[in-house]
């Protein structure tokens, strides 16, 4: 990898990290964290892991959807965002969940799914 490419990845990583901090302060305010687990600049793909309190949080799916839709609009180099709560694995080994547990999210089709979708995210 050339130095120019490495510097470009570093700049893009910084912009993604700043985007997350600026647009989603509630992640840290509620005891969660977000990290870039993989960045493929050539294909315009980024993988984001949400950890801490985000693992198992009922509004994590809404946060993830907001990150996916807003990041591709605000950062032109990013075409695809993959994000999850890292329940079974972590970003570079630092966001792993307890494993073995499966969170239930509002709207998951259970035996008889209720109409209550849960709280709405503020974004």
N, C-alpha and C. Protein backbone atom coordinates (compact mmCIF):
# COMPACT_ATOMS: atom_id res chain seq x y z
N UNK A 1 0.85 -1.17 0.00
CA UNK A 1 0.00 0.00 0.00
C UNK A 1 0.89 1.23 0.00
N UNK A 2 0.58 2.20 -0.82
CA UNK A 2 1.38 3.42 -0.91
C UNK A 2 1.08 4.32 0.27
N UNK A 3 2.02 5.23 0.55
CA UNK A 3 1.82 6.19 1.63
C UNK A 3 0.63 7.08 1.34
N UNK A 4 0.45 7.45 0.06
CA UNK A 4 -0.68 8.29 -0.32
C UNK A 4 -2.00 7.60 -0.01
N UNK A 5 -2.10 6.32 -0.32
CA UNK A 5 -3.31 5.56 -0.05
C UNK A 5 -3.54 5.43 1.45
N UNK A 6 -2.49 5.17 2.21
CA UNK A 6 -2.62 5.05 3.66
C UNK A 6 -3.09 6.37 4.27
N UNK A 7 -2.54 7.50 3.78
CA UNK A 7 -2.97 8.80 4.27
C UNK A 7 -4.42 9.06 3.91
N UNK A 8 -4.84 8.66 2.70
CA UNK A 8 -6.22 8.83 2.28
C UNK A 8 -7.17 8.02 3.14
N UNK A 9 -6.78 6.78 3.49
CA UNK A 9 -7.60 5.96 4.37
C UNK A 9 -7.69 6.59 5.75
N UNK A 10 -6.57 7.13 6.23
CA UNK A 10 -6.57 7.78 7.54
C UNK A 10 -7.50 8.98 7.57
N UNK A 11 -7.47 9.79 6.52
CA UNK A 11 -8.35 10.94 6.41
C UNK A 11 -9.81 10.50 6.36
N UNK A 12 -10.09 9.47 5.57
CA UNK A 12 -11.46 8.97 5.45
C UNK A 12 -11.92 8.39 6.79
N UNK A 13 -11.06 7.64 7.46
CA UNK A 13 -11.40 7.10 8.79
C UNK A 13 -11.73 8.24 9.76
N UNK A 14 -10.92 9.30 9.73
CA UNK A 14 -11.17 10.44 10.61
C UNK A 14 -12.51 11.09 10.30
N UNK A 15 -12.84 11.23 9.02
CA UNK A 15 -14.11 11.84 8.65
C UNK A 15 -15.29 10.97 9.07
N UNK A 16 -15.14 9.65 8.95
CA UNK A 16 -16.22 8.74 9.38
C UNK A 16 -16.39 8.82 10.89
N UNK A 17 -15.28 8.80 11.63
CA UNK A 17 -15.33 8.89 13.08
C UNK A 17 -15.97 10.21 13.51
N UNK A 18 -15.58 11.31 12.89
CA UNK A 18 -16.16 12.61 13.21
C UNK A 18 -17.65 12.67 12.86
N UNK A 19 -18.02 12.04 11.74
CA UNK A 19 -19.42 11.95 11.35
C UNK A 19 -20.24 11.26 12.45
N UNK A 20 -19.73 10.14 12.95
CA UNK A 20 -20.44 9.39 13.99
C UNK A 20 -20.56 10.22 15.27
N UNK A 21 -19.48 10.86 15.68
CA UNK A 21 -19.51 11.69 16.90
C UNK A 21 -20.45 12.88 16.76
N UNK A 22 -20.42 13.52 15.60
CA UNK A 22 -21.22 14.72 15.36
C UNK A 22 -22.71 14.39 15.22
N UNK A 23 -23.03 13.33 14.49
CA UNK A 23 -24.42 13.01 14.19
C UNK A 23 -25.09 12.07 15.18
N UNK A 24 -24.30 11.34 15.93
CA UNK A 24 -24.88 10.35 16.84
C UNK A 24 -24.26 10.44 18.23
N UNK A 25 -24.33 11.62 18.87
CA UNK A 25 -23.75 11.75 20.21
C UNK A 25 -24.47 10.88 21.23
N UNK A 26 -25.71 10.50 20.94
CA UNK A 26 -26.47 9.69 21.88
C UNK A 26 -25.83 8.31 22.08
N UNK A 27 -25.04 7.85 21.11
CA UNK A 27 -24.37 6.56 21.27
C UNK A 27 -23.48 6.62 22.51
N UNK A 28 -22.60 7.61 22.58
CA UNK A 28 -21.72 7.74 23.74
C UNK A 28 -22.48 8.19 24.98
N UNK A 29 -23.45 9.09 24.82
CA UNK A 29 -24.20 9.58 25.98
C UNK A 29 -24.94 8.46 26.69
N UNK A 30 -25.30 7.41 25.98
CA UNK A 30 -26.03 6.30 26.58
C UNK A 30 -25.13 5.11 26.91
N UNK A 31 -23.81 5.32 26.89
CA UNK A 31 -22.89 4.26 27.30
C UNK A 31 -22.47 3.32 26.18
N UNK A 32 -22.75 3.68 24.95
CA UNK A 32 -22.35 2.84 23.82
C UNK A 32 -21.10 3.39 23.16
N UNK A 33 -20.63 2.69 22.16
CA UNK A 33 -19.52 3.19 21.37
C UNK A 33 -19.63 2.65 19.96
N UNK A 34 -18.96 3.33 19.05
CA UNK A 34 -18.97 2.94 17.64
C UNK A 34 -17.54 2.94 17.14
N UNK A 35 -17.19 1.94 16.34
CA UNK A 35 -15.84 1.84 15.80
C UNK A 35 -15.90 1.30 14.38
N UNK A 36 -14.93 1.72 13.59
CA UNK A 36 -14.79 1.21 12.23
C UNK A 36 -14.06 -0.12 12.33
N UNK A 37 -14.70 -1.20 11.91
CA UNK A 37 -14.04 -2.50 11.96
C UNK A 37 -13.35 -2.83 10.65
N UNK A 38 -13.82 -2.25 9.54
CA UNK A 38 -13.20 -2.50 8.25
C UNK A 38 -13.56 -1.36 7.32
N UNK A 39 -12.59 -0.91 6.53
CA UNK A 39 -12.82 0.14 5.55
C UNK A 39 -12.22 -0.30 4.23
N UNK A 40 -13.03 -0.35 3.19
CA UNK A 40 -12.58 -0.68 1.85
C UNK A 40 -12.84 0.54 0.98
N UNK A 41 -11.83 1.39 0.88
CA UNK A 41 -11.96 2.64 0.15
C UNK A 41 -12.23 2.39 -1.34
N UNK A 42 -11.58 1.37 -1.92
CA UNK A 42 -11.76 1.09 -3.35
C UNK A 42 -13.21 0.78 -3.70
N UNK A 43 -13.89 0.03 -2.85
CA UNK A 43 -15.28 -0.35 -3.10
C UNK A 43 -16.28 0.58 -2.41
N UNK A 44 -15.77 1.54 -1.63
CA UNK A 44 -16.65 2.48 -0.94
C UNK A 44 -17.46 1.83 0.16
N UNK A 45 -16.89 0.84 0.83
CA UNK A 45 -17.60 0.12 1.89
C UNK A 45 -16.95 0.36 3.23
N UNK A 46 -17.79 0.50 4.26
CA UNK A 46 -17.30 0.61 5.62
C UNK A 46 -18.15 -0.30 6.51
N UNK A 47 -17.49 -0.93 7.46
CA UNK A 47 -18.16 -1.77 8.44
C UNK A 47 -18.04 -1.08 9.80
N UNK A 48 -19.17 -0.83 10.44
CA UNK A 48 -19.22 -0.15 11.72
C UNK A 48 -19.74 -1.13 12.77
N UNK A 49 -19.07 -1.19 13.91
CA UNK A 49 -19.52 -2.01 15.03
C UNK A 49 -19.99 -1.09 16.14
N UNK A 50 -21.20 -1.31 16.61
CA UNK A 50 -21.71 -0.61 17.78
C UNK A 50 -21.55 -1.53 18.97
N UNK A 51 -20.98 -1.03 20.05
CA UNK A 51 -20.75 -1.87 21.21
C UNK A 51 -21.18 -1.20 22.49
N UNK A 52 -20.71 -1.74 23.59
CA UNK A 52 -21.10 -1.21 24.90
C UNK A 52 -22.58 -1.38 25.09
N UNK A 53 -23.24 -0.31 25.52
CA UNK A 53 -24.67 -0.36 25.79
C UNK A 53 -25.50 -0.57 24.53
N UNK A 54 -24.91 -0.38 23.35
CA UNK A 54 -25.65 -0.58 22.09
C UNK A 54 -25.99 -2.06 21.90
N UNK A 55 -25.15 -2.95 22.42
CA UNK A 55 -25.40 -4.38 22.28
C UNK A 55 -26.64 -4.74 23.09
N UNK A 56 -27.68 -5.13 22.40
CA UNK A 56 -28.91 -5.51 23.05
C UNK A 56 -29.88 -4.36 23.27
N UNK A 57 -29.52 -3.15 22.87
CA UNK A 57 -30.41 -2.00 23.04
C UNK A 57 -31.55 -2.10 22.03
N UNK A 58 -32.75 -1.82 22.47
CA UNK A 58 -33.92 -1.93 21.61
C UNK A 58 -33.98 -0.94 20.47
N UNK A 59 -33.28 0.20 20.57
CA UNK A 59 -33.32 1.16 19.47
C UNK A 59 -32.08 1.09 18.58
N UNK A 60 -31.20 0.13 18.84
CA UNK A 60 -30.02 -0.04 17.98
C UNK A 60 -30.37 -0.23 16.51
N UNK A 61 -31.40 -0.99 16.16
CA UNK A 61 -31.74 -1.13 14.74
C UNK A 61 -32.08 0.21 14.09
N UNK A 62 -32.73 1.11 14.82
CA UNK A 62 -33.05 2.43 14.26
C UNK A 62 -31.78 3.27 14.12
N UNK A 63 -30.89 3.17 15.09
CA UNK A 63 -29.62 3.90 15.03
C UNK A 63 -28.82 3.41 13.83
N UNK A 64 -28.75 2.11 13.65
CA UNK A 64 -28.01 1.53 12.53
C UNK A 64 -28.60 2.00 11.20
N UNK A 65 -29.91 1.99 11.09
CA UNK A 65 -30.55 2.42 9.84
C UNK A 65 -30.25 3.89 9.56
N UNK A 66 -30.26 4.72 10.59
CA UNK A 66 -29.96 6.15 10.42
C UNK A 66 -28.51 6.34 10.00
N UNK A 67 -27.59 5.59 10.60
CA UNK A 67 -26.18 5.68 10.22
C UNK A 67 -26.02 5.31 8.75
N UNK A 68 -26.63 4.21 8.34
CA UNK A 68 -26.51 3.74 6.96
C UNK A 68 -27.04 4.77 5.96
N UNK A 69 -28.19 5.34 6.23
CA UNK A 69 -28.78 6.25 5.26
C UNK A 69 -28.08 7.61 5.23
N UNK A 70 -27.64 8.10 6.38
CA UNK A 70 -27.04 9.43 6.42
C UNK A 70 -25.57 9.43 6.00
N UNK A 71 -24.83 8.37 6.32
CA UNK A 71 -23.40 8.37 6.00
C UNK A 71 -23.16 8.39 4.50
N UNK A 72 -23.93 7.63 3.73
CA UNK A 72 -23.72 7.61 2.29
C UNK A 72 -24.08 8.95 1.64
N UNK A 73 -24.94 9.73 2.29
CA UNK A 73 -25.29 11.05 1.77
C UNK A 73 -24.23 12.09 2.11
N UNK A 74 -23.60 11.95 3.28
CA UNK A 74 -22.68 12.98 3.74
C UNK A 74 -21.22 12.72 3.41
N UNK A 75 -20.86 11.47 3.16
CA UNK A 75 -19.46 11.14 2.84
C UNK A 75 -19.44 10.51 1.45
N UNK A 76 -19.07 11.29 0.43
CA UNK A 76 -19.18 10.84 -0.96
C UNK A 76 -18.40 9.57 -1.28
N UNK A 77 -17.31 9.31 -0.59
CA UNK A 77 -16.51 8.11 -0.89
C UNK A 77 -17.18 6.82 -0.42
N UNK A 78 -18.19 6.94 0.44
CA UNK A 78 -18.86 5.76 1.00
C UNK A 78 -20.14 5.49 0.23
N UNK A 79 -20.23 4.28 -0.33
CA UNK A 79 -21.42 3.84 -1.06
C UNK A 79 -22.25 2.85 -0.25
N UNK A 80 -21.59 2.06 0.60
CA UNK A 80 -22.26 1.02 1.35
C UNK A 80 -21.78 1.01 2.79
N UNK A 81 -22.73 0.96 3.73
CA UNK A 81 -22.40 0.90 5.15
C UNK A 81 -22.98 -0.40 5.70
N UNK A 82 -22.11 -1.17 6.34
CA UNK A 82 -22.54 -2.37 7.06
C UNK A 82 -22.36 -2.05 8.53
N UNK A 83 -23.39 -2.24 9.32
CA UNK A 83 -23.29 -1.93 10.74
C UNK A 83 -24.07 -2.96 11.54
N UNK A 84 -23.54 -3.30 12.71
CA UNK A 84 -24.27 -4.17 13.63
C UNK A 84 -23.80 -3.90 15.05
N UNK A 85 -24.44 -4.58 15.99
CA UNK A 85 -24.15 -4.33 17.39
C UNK A 85 -23.03 -5.19 17.94
N UNK A 86 -22.44 -6.05 17.13
CA UNK A 86 -21.28 -6.82 17.58
C UNK A 86 -21.55 -7.75 18.73
N UNK A 87 -22.72 -8.35 18.76
CA UNK A 87 -23.05 -9.25 19.87
C UNK A 87 -22.12 -10.45 19.94
N UNK A 88 -21.64 -10.94 18.80
CA UNK A 88 -20.80 -12.13 18.82
C UNK A 88 -19.35 -11.86 18.45
N UNK A 89 -19.05 -10.68 17.92
CA UNK A 89 -17.68 -10.36 17.56
C UNK A 89 -17.50 -8.87 17.67
N UNK A 90 -16.25 -8.44 17.68
CA UNK A 90 -16.01 -7.02 17.89
C UNK A 90 -15.13 -6.43 16.83
N UNK A 91 -15.04 -5.13 16.85
CA UNK A 91 -14.17 -4.40 15.95
C UNK A 91 -12.75 -4.51 16.47
N UNK A 92 -11.91 -5.19 15.74
CA UNK A 92 -10.53 -5.39 16.15
C UNK A 92 -10.45 -5.99 17.55
N UNK A 93 -11.46 -6.77 17.93
CA UNK A 93 -11.44 -7.47 19.20
C UNK A 93 -11.82 -6.65 20.41
N UNK A 94 -12.24 -5.38 20.24
CA UNK A 94 -12.48 -4.58 21.43
C UNK A 94 -13.94 -4.29 21.71
N UNK A 95 -14.86 -4.75 20.88
CA UNK A 95 -16.26 -4.45 21.12
C UNK A 95 -17.11 -5.69 21.29
N UNK A 96 -16.52 -6.81 21.56
CA UNK A 96 -17.28 -8.05 21.62
C UNK A 96 -18.31 -8.04 22.71
N UNK A 97 -19.44 -8.65 22.40
CA UNK A 97 -20.49 -8.77 23.39
C UNK A 97 -20.25 -10.01 24.23
N UNK A 98 -21.23 -10.35 25.03
CA UNK A 98 -21.08 -11.50 25.90
C UNK A 98 -21.24 -12.80 25.12
N UNK A 99 -21.84 -12.73 23.95
CA UNK A 99 -22.04 -13.92 23.14
C UNK A 99 -23.08 -14.83 23.75
N UNK A 100 -23.71 -15.62 22.94
CA UNK A 100 -24.68 -16.58 23.45
C UNK A 100 -26.04 -15.99 23.77
N UNK A 101 -26.19 -14.70 23.74
CA UNK A 101 -27.49 -14.09 24.00
C UNK A 101 -27.98 -13.44 22.72
N UNK A 102 -29.26 -13.47 22.54
CA UNK A 102 -29.84 -12.86 21.36
C UNK A 102 -30.81 -11.78 21.79
N UNK A 103 -30.55 -10.53 21.40
CA UNK A 103 -31.47 -9.47 21.80
C UNK A 103 -32.78 -9.60 21.05
N UNK A 104 -33.86 -9.14 21.65
CA UNK A 104 -35.12 -9.08 20.92
C UNK A 104 -35.38 -7.61 20.64
N UNK A 105 -35.76 -7.31 19.41
CA UNK A 105 -35.98 -5.95 18.99
C UNK A 105 -37.44 -5.74 18.68
N UNK A 106 -37.93 -4.52 18.93
CA UNK A 106 -39.31 -4.23 18.55
C UNK A 106 -39.51 -4.50 17.06
N UNK A 107 -40.62 -5.13 16.73
CA UNK A 107 -40.91 -5.41 15.34
C UNK A 107 -40.41 -6.75 14.86
N UNK A 108 -39.56 -7.44 15.69
CA UNK A 108 -39.14 -8.78 15.30
C UNK A 108 -40.38 -9.65 15.25
N UNK A 109 -40.53 -10.39 14.20
CA UNK A 109 -41.71 -11.24 14.06
C UNK A 109 -41.62 -12.45 14.97
N UNK A 110 -42.24 -12.36 16.11
CA UNK A 110 -42.30 -13.50 17.02
C UNK A 110 -43.50 -14.33 16.67
N UNK A 111 -43.93 -15.14 17.64
CA UNK A 111 -45.12 -15.96 17.39
C UNK A 111 -46.32 -15.08 17.09
N UNK A 112 -46.55 -14.09 17.97
CA UNK A 112 -47.63 -13.14 17.75
C UNK A 112 -47.06 -11.76 17.97
N UNK A 113 -46.51 -11.16 16.94
CA UNK A 113 -45.88 -9.84 17.07
C UNK A 113 -46.92 -8.80 17.46
N UNK A 114 -46.54 -7.96 18.43
CA UNK A 114 -47.44 -6.91 18.87
C UNK A 114 -47.32 -5.72 17.94
N UNK A 115 -48.34 -4.85 17.97
CA UNK A 115 -48.32 -3.64 17.15
C UNK A 115 -47.36 -2.61 17.70
N UNK A 116 -46.97 -2.69 18.97
CA UNK A 116 -46.08 -1.70 19.58
C UNK A 116 -44.69 -1.83 19.01
N UNK A 117 -44.23 -0.78 18.34
CA UNK A 117 -42.89 -0.78 17.73
C UNK A 117 -41.84 -0.29 18.71
N UNK A 118 -42.23 0.16 19.91
CA UNK A 118 -41.27 0.66 20.88
C UNK A 118 -41.01 2.14 20.68
N UNK A 119 -40.03 2.67 21.41
CA UNK A 119 -39.76 4.11 21.32
C UNK A 119 -39.18 4.49 19.96
N UNK A 120 -39.45 5.71 19.58
CA UNK A 120 -38.93 6.22 18.32
C UNK A 120 -37.61 6.94 18.56
N UNK A 121 -36.66 6.75 17.68
CA UNK A 121 -35.37 7.42 17.80
C UNK A 121 -35.54 8.91 17.49
N UNK A 122 -34.70 9.75 18.10
CA UNK A 122 -34.84 11.20 17.89
C UNK A 122 -34.25 11.71 16.60
N UNK A 123 -34.02 10.87 15.60
CA UNK A 123 -33.43 11.34 14.34
C UNK A 123 -34.18 10.80 13.17
